[in-house]
């Protein structure tokens, strides 16, 4: 799970961006990614929620571009 969590953090834009989006200290994010701290089920659920929110924002931005370009 740690490797998957690390991948999710990269999808969110790296530790700094993920920290801001998730409301978690960046040092804590780095500790989870490095394996220094265990990745809990609650953390994974919070990560999934933030990923869903980001996906919704990305979809809305894509739709606006598509509409503006008439495609």
Protein backbone atom coordinates (compact mmCIF):
# COMPACT_ATOMS: atom_id res chain seq x y z
CA UNK A 1 0.00 0.00 0.00
CA UNK A 2 2.89 2.36 0.65
CA UNK A 3 3.95 2.26 -3.00
CA UNK A 4 0.40 2.94 -4.16
CA UNK A 5 0.09 5.81 -1.67
CA UNK A 6 3.37 7.25 -2.99
CA UNK A 7 1.98 7.06 -6.53
CA UNK A 8 -1.20 8.85 -5.43
CA UNK A 9 0.90 11.61 -3.87
CA UNK A 10 2.64 12.09 -7.23
CA UNK A 11 -0.75 12.21 -9.00
CA UNK A 12 -1.75 14.96 -6.57
CA UNK A 13 1.33 16.96 -7.61
CA UNK A 14 3.93 15.78 -5.11
CA UNK A 15 4.23 16.06 -1.33
CA UNK A 16 3.80 19.85 -1.14
CA UNK A 17 0.65 19.96 -3.26
CA UNK A 18 -0.76 16.83 -1.61
CA UNK A 19 -0.09 18.34 1.80
CA UNK A 20 -2.11 21.45 0.94
CA UNK A 21 -4.96 19.48 -0.64
CA UNK A 22 -5.17 16.97 2.20
CA UNK A 23 -4.51 19.34 5.10
CA UNK A 24 -1.63 17.17 6.32
CA UNK A 25 1.84 18.40 7.22
CA UNK A 26 4.24 17.88 4.32
CA UNK A 27 6.75 16.17 6.61
CA UNK A 28 4.09 13.64 7.59
CA UNK A 29 3.35 12.96 3.91
CA UNK A 30 7.06 12.32 3.33
CA UNK A 31 7.19 9.96 6.32
CA UNK A 32 4.27 7.94 4.97
CA UNK A 33 5.86 7.77 1.51
CA UNK A 34 9.24 6.71 2.90
CA UNK A 35 7.70 4.00 5.08
CA UNK A 36 8.80 5.69 8.28
CA UNK A 37 5.13 5.83 9.29
CA UNK A 38 2.50 3.24 8.35
CA UNK A 39 -0.21 4.16 5.84
CA UNK A 40 -3.54 3.62 7.58
CA UNK A 41 -6.89 2.77 6.07
CA UNK A 42 -8.18 6.20 7.13
CA UNK A 43 -5.31 7.91 5.31
CA UNK A 44 -6.03 5.90 2.17
CA UNK A 45 -9.72 6.82 2.34
CA UNK A 46 -8.81 10.50 2.75
CA UNK A 47 -6.43 10.20 -0.20
CA UNK A 48 -9.17 8.63 -2.33
CA UNK A 49 -11.52 11.49 -1.45
CA UNK A 50 -8.96 14.11 -2.47
CA UNK A 51 -8.25 12.24 -5.71
CA UNK A 52 -11.98 12.20 -6.52
CA UNK A 53 -12.17 15.95 -5.88
CA UNK A 54 -9.17 16.57 -8.13
CA UNK A 55 -10.66 14.37 -10.85
CA UNK A 56 -13.89 16.38 -10.71
CA UNK A 57 -11.97 19.65 -11.00
CA UNK A 58 -9.96 18.28 -13.93
CA UNK A 59 -13.12 17.08 -15.69
CA UNK A 60 -14.78 20.47 -15.27
CA UNK A 61 -11.69 22.24 -16.61
CA UNK A 62 -11.55 19.87 -19.60
CA UNK A 63 -15.23 20.44 -20.34
CA UNK A 64 -14.73 24.21 -20.26
CA UNK A 65 -11.81 23.96 -22.71
CA UNK A 66 -13.77 21.67 -25.01
CA UNK A 67 -16.79 23.98 -24.94
CA UNK A 68 -14.65 27.09 -25.55
CA UNK A 69 -13.05 25.43 -28.57
CA UNK A 70 -16.38 24.17 -29.88
CA UNK A 71 -15.40 20.50 -29.82
